[in-house]
């Protein structure tokens, strides 16, 4: 006898009223889980406008000097060059 058949045989031994109670419990549990899940999914959208603005990296914004820009452009210039030997 397969495992599936053994499980089915055990289920067949359970009285109909208990199966109905179990089914009702599973349905209520599933409904509660879905309700909680939907609340969790929608809650970030609700609180998005009320969220506290983070200023952790504000000190880095707009801090490039002209020298920093020139250094960056010189260091990244090689990325714009195509090595023709690699494409032959």
PDB file of N, CA and C in Angstrom:
ATOM      1  N   UNK A   1       0.849  -1.177   0.000  1.00  0.00           N
ATOM      2  CA  UNK A   1       0.000   0.000   0.000  1.00  0.00           C
ATOM      3  C   UNK A   1       0.896   1.242   0.000  1.00  0.00           C
ATOM      4  N   UNK A   2       0.571   2.195  -0.842  1.00  0.00           N
ATOM      5  CA  UNK A   2       1.379   3.414  -0.929  1.00  0.00           C
ATOM      6  C   UNK A   2       1.082   4.335   0.252  1.00  0.00           C
ATOM      7  N   UNK A   3       1.940   5.297   0.425  1.00  0.00           N
ATOM      8  CA  UNK A   3       1.763   6.267   1.509  1.00  0.00           C
ATOM      9  C   UNK A   3       0.452   7.022   1.324  1.00  0.00           C
ATOM     10  N   UNK A   4       0.160   7.382   0.086  1.00  0.00           N
ATOM     11  CA  UNK A   4      -1.082   8.111  -0.200  1.00  0.00           C
ATOM     12  C   UNK A   4      -2.297   7.276   0.196  1.00  0.00           C
ATOM     13  N   UNK A   5      -2.259   5.990  -0.101  1.00  0.00           N
ATOM     14  CA  UNK A   5      -3.379   5.110   0.246  1.00  0.00           C
ATOM     15  C   UNK A   5      -3.495   4.940   1.755  1.00  0.00           C
ATOM     16  N   UNK A   6      -2.363   4.877   2.447  1.00  0.00           N
ATOM     17  CA  UNK A   6      -2.392   4.787   3.910  1.00  0.00           C
ATOM     18  C   UNK A   6      -3.017   6.033   4.525  1.00  0.00           C
ATOM     19  N   UNK A   7      -2.637   7.183   4.002  1.00  0.00           N
ATOM     20  CA  UNK A   7      -3.205   8.445   4.501  1.00  0.00           C
ATOM     21  C   UNK A   7      -4.701   8.488   4.238  1.00  0.00           C
ATOM     22  N   UNK A   8      -5.120   8.093   3.042  1.00  0.00           N
ATOM     23  CA  UNK A   8      -6.545   8.103   2.687  1.00  0.00           C
ATOM     24  C   UNK A   8      -7.326   7.148   3.591  1.00  0.00           C
ATOM     25  N   UNK A   9      -6.736   5.984   3.913  1.00  0.00           N
ATOM     26  CA  UNK A   9      -7.402   5.019   4.788  1.00  0.00           C
ATOM     27  C   UNK A   9      -7.590   5.603   6.184  1.00  0.00           C
ATOM     28  N   UNK A  10      -6.602   6.333   6.680  1.00  0.00           N
ATOM     29  CA  UNK A  10      -6.719   6.963   7.999  1.00  0.00           C
ATOM     30  C   UNK A  10      -7.776   8.062   7.980  1.00  0.00           C
ATOM     31  N   UNK A  11      -7.811   8.832   6.906  1.00  0.00           N
ATOM     32  CA  UNK A  11      -8.814   9.899   6.794  1.00  0.00           C
ATOM     33  C   UNK A  11     -10.210   9.300   6.758  1.00  0.00           C
ATOM     34  N   UNK A  12     -10.365   8.173   6.083  1.00  0.00           N
ATOM     35  CA  UNK A  12     -11.677   7.520   5.992  1.00  0.00           C
ATOM     36  C   UNK A  12     -12.179   7.055   7.356  1.00  0.00           C
ATOM     37  N   UNK A  13     -11.283   6.840   8.309  1.00  0.00           N
ATOM     38  CA  UNK A  13     -11.674   6.405   9.655  1.00  0.00           C
ATOM     39  C   UNK A  13     -12.215   7.558  10.497  1.00  0.00           C
ATOM     40  N   UNK A  14     -11.931   8.797  10.109  1.00  0.00           N
ATOM     41  CA  UNK A  14     -12.357   9.967  10.883  1.00  0.00           C
ATOM     42  C   UNK A  14     -13.848  10.194  10.651  1.00  0.00           C
ATOM     43  N   UNK A  15     -14.608  10.407  11.737  1.00  0.00           N
ATOM     44  CA  UNK A  15     -16.048  10.657  11.589  1.00  0.00           C
ATOM     45  C   UNK A  15     -16.313  11.929  10.768  1.00  0.00           C
ATOM     46  N   UNK A  16     -17.425  11.928  10.051  1.00  0.00           N
ATOM     47  CA  UNK A  16     -17.783  13.037   9.153  1.00  0.00           C
ATOM     48  C   UNK A  16     -17.860  14.369   9.895  1.00  0.00           C
ATOM     49  N   UNK A  17     -18.402  14.360  11.101  1.00  0.00           N
ATOM     50  CA  UNK A  17     -18.542  15.606  11.864  1.00  0.00           C
ATOM     51  C   UNK A  17     -17.170  16.206  12.194  1.00  0.00           C
ATOM     52  N   UNK A  18     -16.221  15.357  12.553  1.00  0.00           N
ATOM     53  CA  UNK A  18     -14.873  15.848  12.849  1.00  0.00           C
ATOM     54  C   UNK A  18     -14.193  16.391  11.595  1.00  0.00           C
ATOM     55  N   UNK A  19     -14.430  15.749  10.465  1.00  0.00           N
ATOM     56  CA  UNK A  19     -13.877  16.257   9.208  1.00  0.00           C
ATOM     57  C   UNK A  19     -14.455  17.627   8.876  1.00  0.00           C
ATOM     58  N   UNK A  20     -15.763  17.794   9.117  1.00  0.00           N
ATOM     59  CA  UNK A  20     -16.391  19.098   8.872  1.00  0.00           C
ATOM     60  C   UNK A  20     -15.807  20.163   9.794  1.00  0.00           C
ATOM     61  N   UNK A  21     -15.582  19.795  11.063  1.00  0.00           N
ATOM     62  CA  UNK A  21     -14.972  20.744  12.007  1.00  0.00           C
ATOM     63  C   UNK A  21     -13.557  21.111  11.570  1.00  0.00           C
ATOM     64  N   UNK A  22     -12.800  20.104  11.132  1.00  0.00           N
ATOM     65  CA  UNK A  22     -11.437  20.352  10.668  1.00  0.00           C
ATOM     66  C   UNK A  22     -11.441  21.253   9.442  1.00  0.00           C
ATOM     67  N   UNK A  23     -12.345  20.975   8.504  1.00  0.00           N
ATOM     68  CA  UNK A  23     -12.443  21.802   7.299  1.00  0.00           C
ATOM     69  C   UNK A  23     -12.784  23.246   7.671  1.00  0.00           C
ATOM     70  N   UNK A  24     -13.729  23.423   8.601  1.00  0.00           N
ATOM     71  CA  UNK A  24     -14.120  24.772   9.024  1.00  0.00           C
ATOM     72  C   UNK A  24     -12.945  25.487   9.685  1.00  0.00           C
ATOM     73  N   UNK A  25     -12.185  24.763  10.524  1.00  0.00           N
ATOM     74  CA  UNK A  25     -11.021  25.356  11.188  1.00  0.00           C
ATOM     75  C   UNK A  25      -9.974  25.781  10.163  1.00  0.00           C
ATOM     76  N   UNK A  26      -9.724  24.926   9.173  1.00  0.00           N
ATOM     77  CA  UNK A  26      -8.745  25.251   8.127  1.00  0.00           C
ATOM     78  C   UNK A  26      -9.199  26.475   7.345  1.00  0.00           C
ATOM     79  N   UNK A  27     -10.495  26.551   7.028  1.00  0.00           N
ATOM     80  CA  UNK A  27     -11.021  27.700   6.279  1.00  0.00           C
ATOM     81  C   UNK A  27     -10.855  28.989   7.084  1.00  0.00           C
ATOM     82  N   UNK A  28     -11.194  28.962   8.377  1.00  0.00           N
ATOM     83  CA  UNK A  28     -11.044  30.149   9.223  1.00  0.00           C
ATOM     84  C   UNK A  28      -9.575  30.550   9.351  1.00  0.00           C
ATOM     85  N   UNK A  29      -8.711  29.569   9.532  1.00  0.00           N
ATOM     86  CA  UNK A  29      -7.282  29.835   9.660  1.00  0.00           C
ATOM     87  C   UNK A  29      -6.741  30.465   8.379  1.00  0.00           C
ATOM     88  N   UNK A  30      -7.134  29.916   7.233  1.00  0.00           N
ATOM     89  CA  UNK A  30      -6.688  30.448   5.943  1.00  0.00           C
ATOM     90  C   UNK A  30      -7.183  31.874   5.747  1.00  0.00           C
ATOM     91  N   UNK A  31      -8.434  32.126   6.119  1.00  0.00           N
ATOM     92  CA  UNK A  31      -8.974  33.484   6.002  1.00  0.00           C
ATOM     93  C   UNK A  31      -8.192  34.464   6.876  1.00  0.00           C
ATOM     94  N   UNK A  32      -7.854  34.046   8.101  1.00  0.00           N
ATOM     95  CA  UNK A  32      -7.085  34.919   8.999  1.00  0.00           C
ATOM     96  C   UNK A  32      -5.694  35.199   8.436  1.00  0.00           C
ATOM     97  N   UNK A  33      -5.060  34.152   7.926  1.00  0.00           N
ATOM     98  CA  UNK A  33      -3.722  34.319   7.343  1.00  0.00           C
ATOM     99  C   UNK A  33      -3.780  35.280   6.165  1.00  0.00           C
ATOM    100  N   UNK A  34      -4.763  35.113   5.298  1.00  0.00           N
ATOM    101  CA  UNK A  34      -4.895  36.004   4.142  1.00  0.00           C
ATOM    102  C   UNK A  34      -5.168  37.438   4.575  1.00  0.00           C
ATOM    103  N   UNK A  35      -5.969  37.605   5.618  1.00  0.00           N
ATOM    104  CA  UNK A  35      -6.264  38.951   6.123  1.00  0.00           C
ATOM    105  C   UNK A  35      -4.992  39.612   6.658  1.00  0.00           C
ATOM    106  N   UNK A  36      -4.213  38.867   7.424  1.00  0.00           N
ATOM    107  CA  UNK A  36      -2.954  39.399   7.963  1.00  0.00           C
ATOM    108  C   UNK A  36      -1.985  39.701   6.824  1.00  0.00           C
ATOM    109  N   UNK A  37      -1.894  38.783   5.872  1.00  0.00           N
ATOM    110  CA  UNK A  37      -0.980  38.964   4.737  1.00  0.00           C
ATOM    111  C   UNK A  37      -1.357  40.216   3.947  1.00  0.00           C
ATOM    112  N   UNK A  38      -2.633  40.408   3.686  1.00  0.00           N
ATOM    113  CA  UNK A  38      -3.070  41.597   2.947  1.00  0.00           C
ATOM    114  C   UNK A  38      -2.797  42.868   3.737  1.00  0.00           C
ATOM    115  N   UNK A  39      -2.922  42.805   5.050  1.00  0.00           N
ATOM    116  CA  UNK A  39      -2.621  43.966   5.885  1.00  0.00           C
ATOM    117  C   UNK A  39      -1.152  44.320   5.853  1.00  0.00           C
ATOM    118  N   UNK A  40      -0.305  43.302   5.855  1.00  0.00           N
ATOM    119  CA  UNK A  40       1.142  43.538   5.817  1.00  0.00           C
ATOM    120  C   UNK A  40       1.549  44.114   4.473  1.00  0.00           C
ATOM    121  N   UNK A  41       0.973  43.589   3.408  1.00  0.00           N
ATOM    122  CA  UNK A  41       1.337  44.056   2.070  1.00  0.00           C
ATOM    123  C   UNK A  41       0.898  45.497   1.855  1.00  0.00           C
ATOM    124  N   UNK A  42      -0.283  45.851   2.349  1.00  0.00           N
ATOM    125  CA  UNK A  42      -0.789  47.197   2.098  1.00  0.00           C
ATOM    126  C   UNK A  42      -0.275  48.221   3.104  1.00  0.00           C
ATOM    127  N   UNK A  43       0.245  47.800   4.247  1.00  0.00           N
ATOM    128  CA  UNK A  43       0.659  48.758   5.271  1.00  0.00           C
ATOM    129  C   UNK A  43       1.816  49.655   4.854  1.00  0.00           C
ATOM    130  N   UNK A  44       2.833  49.191   4.115  1.00  0.00           N
ATOM    131  CA  UNK A  44       3.887  50.130   3.715  1.00  0.00           C
ATOM    132  C   UNK A  44       3.355  51.260   2.841  1.00  0.00           C
ATOM    133  N   UNK A  45       2.370  50.952   2.005  1.00  0.00           N
ATOM    134  CA  UNK A  45       1.804  51.992   1.149  1.00  0.00           C
ATOM    135  C   UNK A  45       1.069  53.035   1.985  1.00  0.00           C
ATOM    136  N   UNK A  46       0.398  52.586   3.039  1.00  0.00           N
ATOM    137  CA  UNK A  46      -0.351  53.508   3.889  1.00  0.00           C
ATOM    138  C   UNK A  46       0.584  54.450   4.644  1.00  0.00           C
ATOM    139  N   UNK A  47       1.712  53.927   5.089  1.00  0.00           N
ATOM    140  CA  UNK A  47       2.609  54.700   5.933  1.00  0.00           C
ATOM    141  C   UNK A  47       3.725  55.383   5.154  1.00  0.00           C
ATOM    142  N   UNK A  48       3.718  55.254   3.846  1.00  0.00           N
ATOM    143  CA  UNK A  48       4.791  55.824   3.045  1.00  0.00           C
ATOM    144  C   UNK A  48       4.856  57.339   3.207  1.00  0.00           C
ATOM    145  N   UNK A  49       3.704  58.005   3.178  1.00  0.00           N
ATOM    146  CA  UNK A  49       3.703  59.459   3.285  1.00  0.00           C
ATOM    147  C   UNK A  49       4.021  59.916   4.712  1.00  0.00           C
ATOM    148  N   UNK A  50       3.803  59.041   5.684  1.00  0.00           N
ATOM    149  CA  UNK A  50       4.062  59.398   7.078  1.00  0.00           C
ATOM    150  C   UNK A  50       5.463  59.010   7.529  1.00  0.00           C
ATOM    151  N   UNK A  51       6.246  58.440   6.634  1.00  0.00           N
ATOM    152  CA  UNK A  51       7.560  57.957   7.044  1.00  0.00           C
ATOM    153  C   UNK A  51       8.499  59.127   7.333  1.00  0.00           C
ATOM    154  N   UNK A  52       9.410  58.874   8.232  1.00  0.00           N
ATOM    155  CA  UNK A  52      10.380  59.881   8.633  1.00  0.00           C
ATOM    156  C   UNK A  52      11.457  59.978   7.564  1.00  0.00           C
ATOM    157  N   UNK A  53      11.783  61.181   7.101  1.00  0.00           N
ATOM    158  CA  UNK A  53      12.837  61.302   6.082  1.00  0.00           C
ATOM    159  C   UNK A  53      14.205  61.023   6.695  1.00  0.00           C
ATOM    160  N   UNK A  54      14.951  60.190   6.025  1.00  0.00           N
ATOM    161  CA  UNK A  54      16.296  59.863   6.497  1.00  0.00           C
ATOM    162  C   UNK A  54      17.294  60.870   5.949  1.00  0.00           C
ATOM    163  N   UNK A  55      18.214  61.259   6.792  1.00  0.00           N
ATOM    164  CA  UNK A  55      19.229  62.232   6.405  1.00  0.00           C
ATOM    165  C   UNK A  55      20.625  61.658   6.621  1.00  0.00           C
ATOM    166  N   UNK A  56      20.729  60.332   6.597  1.00  0.00           N
ATOM    167  CA  UNK A  56      22.004  59.671   6.879  1.00  0.00           C
ATOM    168  C   UNK A  56      23.122  60.103   5.940  1.00  0.00           C
ATOM    169  N   UNK A  57      22.821  60.280   4.669  1.00  0.00           N
ATOM    170  CA  UNK A  57      23.858  60.556   3.674  1.00  0.00           C
ATOM    171  C   UNK A  57      23.805  61.993   3.155  1.00  0.00           C
ATOM    172  N   UNK A  58      23.066  62.836   3.840  1.00  0.00           N
ATOM    173  CA  UNK A  58      22.932  64.219   3.379  1.00  0.00           C
ATOM    174  C   UNK A  58      24.279  64.929   3.272  1.00  0.00           C
ATOM    175  N   UNK A  59      25.195  64.606   4.159  1.00  0.00           N
ATOM    176  CA  UNK A  59      26.486  65.298   4.142  1.00  0.00           C
ATOM    177  C   UNK A  59      27.284  64.971   2.879  1.00  0.00           C
ATOM    178  N   UNK A  60      26.918  63.900   2.172  1.00  0.00           N
ATOM    179  CA  UNK A  60      27.632  63.547   0.947  1.00  0.00           C
ATOM    180  C   UNK A  60      27.052  64.231  -0.294  1.00  0.00           C
ATOM    181  N   UNK A  61      25.845  64.711  -0.208  1.00  0.00           N
ATOM    182  CA  UNK A  61      25.178  65.287  -1.377  1.00  0.00           C
ATOM    183  C   UNK A  61      25.823  66.605  -1.771  1.00  0.00           C
ATOM    184  N   UNK A  62      26.177  66.719  -3.031  1.00  0.00           N
ATOM    185  CA  UNK A  62      26.722  67.962  -3.555  1.00  0.00           C
ATOM    186  C   UNK A  62      28.081  68.326  -3.011  1.00  0.00           C
ATOM    187  N   UNK A  63      28.872  67.350  -2.624  1.00  0.00           N
ATOM    188  CA  UNK A  63      30.159  67.660  -2.009  1.00  0.00           C
ATOM    189  C   UNK A  63      31.328  67.555  -2.976  1.00  0.00           C
ATOM    190  N   UNK A  64      31.076  67.307  -4.248  1.00  0.00           N
ATOM    191  CA  UNK A  64      32.169  67.211  -5.220  1.00  0.00           C
ATOM    192  C   UNK A  64      32.687  68.597  -5.550  1.00  0.00           C
ATOM    193  N   UNK A  65      33.956  68.728  -5.397  1.00  0.00           N
ATOM    194  CA  UNK A  65      34.579  69.984  -5.827  1.00  0.00           C
ATOM    195  C   UNK A  65      34.945  69.842  -7.300  1.00  0.00           C
ATOM    196  N   UNK A  66      35.415  70.914  -7.892  1.00  0.00           N
ATOM    197  CA  UNK A  66      35.824  70.873  -9.298  1.00  0.00           C
ATOM    198  C   UNK A  66      37.006  69.919  -9.470  1.00  0.00           C
ATOM    199  N   UNK A  67      37.891  69.897  -8.488  1.00  0.00           N
ATOM    200  CA  UNK A  67      39.034  68.974  -8.539  1.00  0.00           C
ATOM    201  C   UNK A  67      38.566  67.517  -8.502  1.00  0.00           C
ATOM    202  N   UNK A  68      37.560  67.243  -7.665  1.00  0.00           N
ATOM    203  CA  UNK A  68      37.019  65.881  -7.585  1.00  0.00           C
ATOM    204  C   UNK A  68      36.425  65.451  -8.921  1.00  0.00           C
ATOM    205  N   UNK A  69      35.726  66.366  -9.566  1.00  0.00           N
ATOM    206  CA  UNK A  69      35.120  66.056 -10.857  1.00  0.00           C
ATOM    207  C   UNK A  69      36.191  65.737 -11.897  1.00  0.00           C
ATOM    208  N   UNK A  70      37.222  66.557 -11.950  1.00  0.00           N
ATOM    209  CA  UNK A  70      38.308  66.338 -12.916  1.00  0.00           C
ATOM    210  C   UNK A  70      38.993  64.998 -12.646  1.00  0.00           C
ATOM    211  N   UNK A  71      39.262  64.711 -11.382  1.00  0.00           N
ATOM    212  CA  UNK A  71      39.899  63.441 -11.024  1.00  0.00           C
ATOM    213  C   UNK A  71      39.020  62.255 -11.436  1.00  0.00           C
ATOM    214  N   UNK A  72      37.731  62.372 -11.180  1.00  0.00           N
ATOM    215  CA  UNK A  72      36.805  61.297 -11.548  1.00  0.00           C
ATOM    216  C   UNK A  72      36.784  61.084 -13.057  1.00  0.00           C
ATOM    217  N   UNK A  73      36.674  62.165 -13.807  1.00  0.00           N
ATOM    218  CA  UNK A  73      36.628  62.056 -15.268  1.00  0.00           C
ATOM    219  C   UNK A  73      37.915  61.467 -15.831  1.00  0.00           C
ATOM    220  N   UNK A  74      39.057  61.859 -15.276  1.00  0.00           N
ATOM    221  CA  UNK A  74      40.333  61.298 -15.732  1.00  0.00           C
ATOM    222  C   UNK A  74      40.442  59.807 -15.407  1.00  0.00           C
ATOM    223  N   UNK A  75      39.978  59.428 -14.238  1.00  0.00           N
ATOM    224  CA  UNK A  75      40.066  58.024 -13.827  1.00  0.00           C
ATOM    225  C   UNK A  75      39.080  57.123 -14.567  1.00  0.00           C
ATOM    226  N   UNK A  76      38.002  57.686 -15.070  1.00  0.00           N
ATOM    227  CA  UNK A  76      37.004  56.868 -15.774  1.00  0.00           C
ATOM    228  C   UNK A  76      37.072  57.033 -17.285  1.00  0.00           C
ATOM    229  N   UNK A  77      37.998  57.819 -17.765  1.00  0.00           N
ATOM    230  CA  UNK A  77      38.131  58.064 -19.204  1.00  0.00           C
ATOM    231  C   UNK A  77      38.369  56.768 -19.971  1.00  0.00           C
ATOM    232  N   UNK A  78      39.126  55.852 -19.390  1.00  0.00           N
ATOM    233  CA  UNK A  78      39.460  54.602 -20.064  1.00  0.00           C
ATOM    234  C   UNK A  78      38.219  53.749 -20.354  1.00  0.00           C
ATOM    235  N   UNK A  79      37.144  53.935 -19.615  1.00  0.00           N
ATOM    236  CA  UNK A  79      35.938  53.146 -19.843  1.00  0.00           C
ATOM    237  C   UNK A  79      35.235  53.534 -21.141  1.00  0.00           C
ATOM    238  N   UNK A  80      35.511  54.710 -21.657  1.00  0.00           N
ATOM    239  CA  UNK A  80      34.910  55.157 -22.914  1.00  0.00           C
ATOM    240  C   UNK A  80      35.716  54.731 -24.133  1.00  0.00           C
ATOM    241  N   UNK A  81      36.909  54.208 -23.911  1.00  0.00           N
ATOM    242  CA  UNK A  81      37.769  53.806 -25.023  1.00  0.00           C
ATOM    243  C   UNK A  81      37.491  52.357 -25.404  1.00  0.00           C
ATOM    244  N   UNK A  82      37.478  52.084 -26.697  1.00  0.00           N
ATOM    245  CA  UNK A  82      37.247  50.734 -27.204  1.00  0.00           C
ATOM    246  C   UNK A  82      38.564  50.183 -27.725  1.00  0.00           C
ATOM    247  N   UNK A  83      38.941  49.027 -27.225  1.00  0.00           N
ATOM    248  CA  UNK A  83      40.165  48.369 -27.669  1.00  0.00           C
ATOM    249  C   UNK A  83      39.828  47.549 -28.916  1.00  0.00           C
ATOM    250  N   UNK A  84      40.259  48.034 -30.068  1.00  0.00           N
ATOM    251  CA  UNK A  84      39.940  47.384 -31.345  1.00  0.00           C
ATOM    252  C   UNK A  84      40.528  45.978 -31.432  1.00  0.00           C
ATOM    253  N   UNK A  85      41.631  45.726 -30.755  1.00  0.00           N
ATOM    254  CA  UNK A  85      42.264  44.403 -30.802  1.00  0.00           C
ATOM    255  C   UNK A  85      41.370  43.327 -30.177  1.00  0.00           C
ATOM    256  N   UNK A  86      40.601  43.731 -29.181  1.00  0.00           N
ATOM    257  CA  UNK A  86      39.717  42.766 -28.527  1.00  0.00           C
ATOM    258  C   UNK A  86      38.566  42.326 -29.424  1.00  0.00           C
ATOM    259  N   UNK A  87      38.227  43.152 -30.412  1.00  0.00           N
ATOM    260  CA  UNK A  87      37.060  42.882 -31.252  1.00  0.00           C
ATOM    261  C   UNK A  87      37.436  42.301 -32.614  1.00  0.00           C
ATOM    262  N   UNK A  88      38.654  41.849 -32.774  1.00  0.00           N
ATOM    263  CA  UNK A  88      39.058  41.264 -34.061  1.00  0.00           C
ATOM    264  C   UNK A  88      38.959  39.761 -34.021  1.00  0.00           C
TER     265      UNK A  88
END
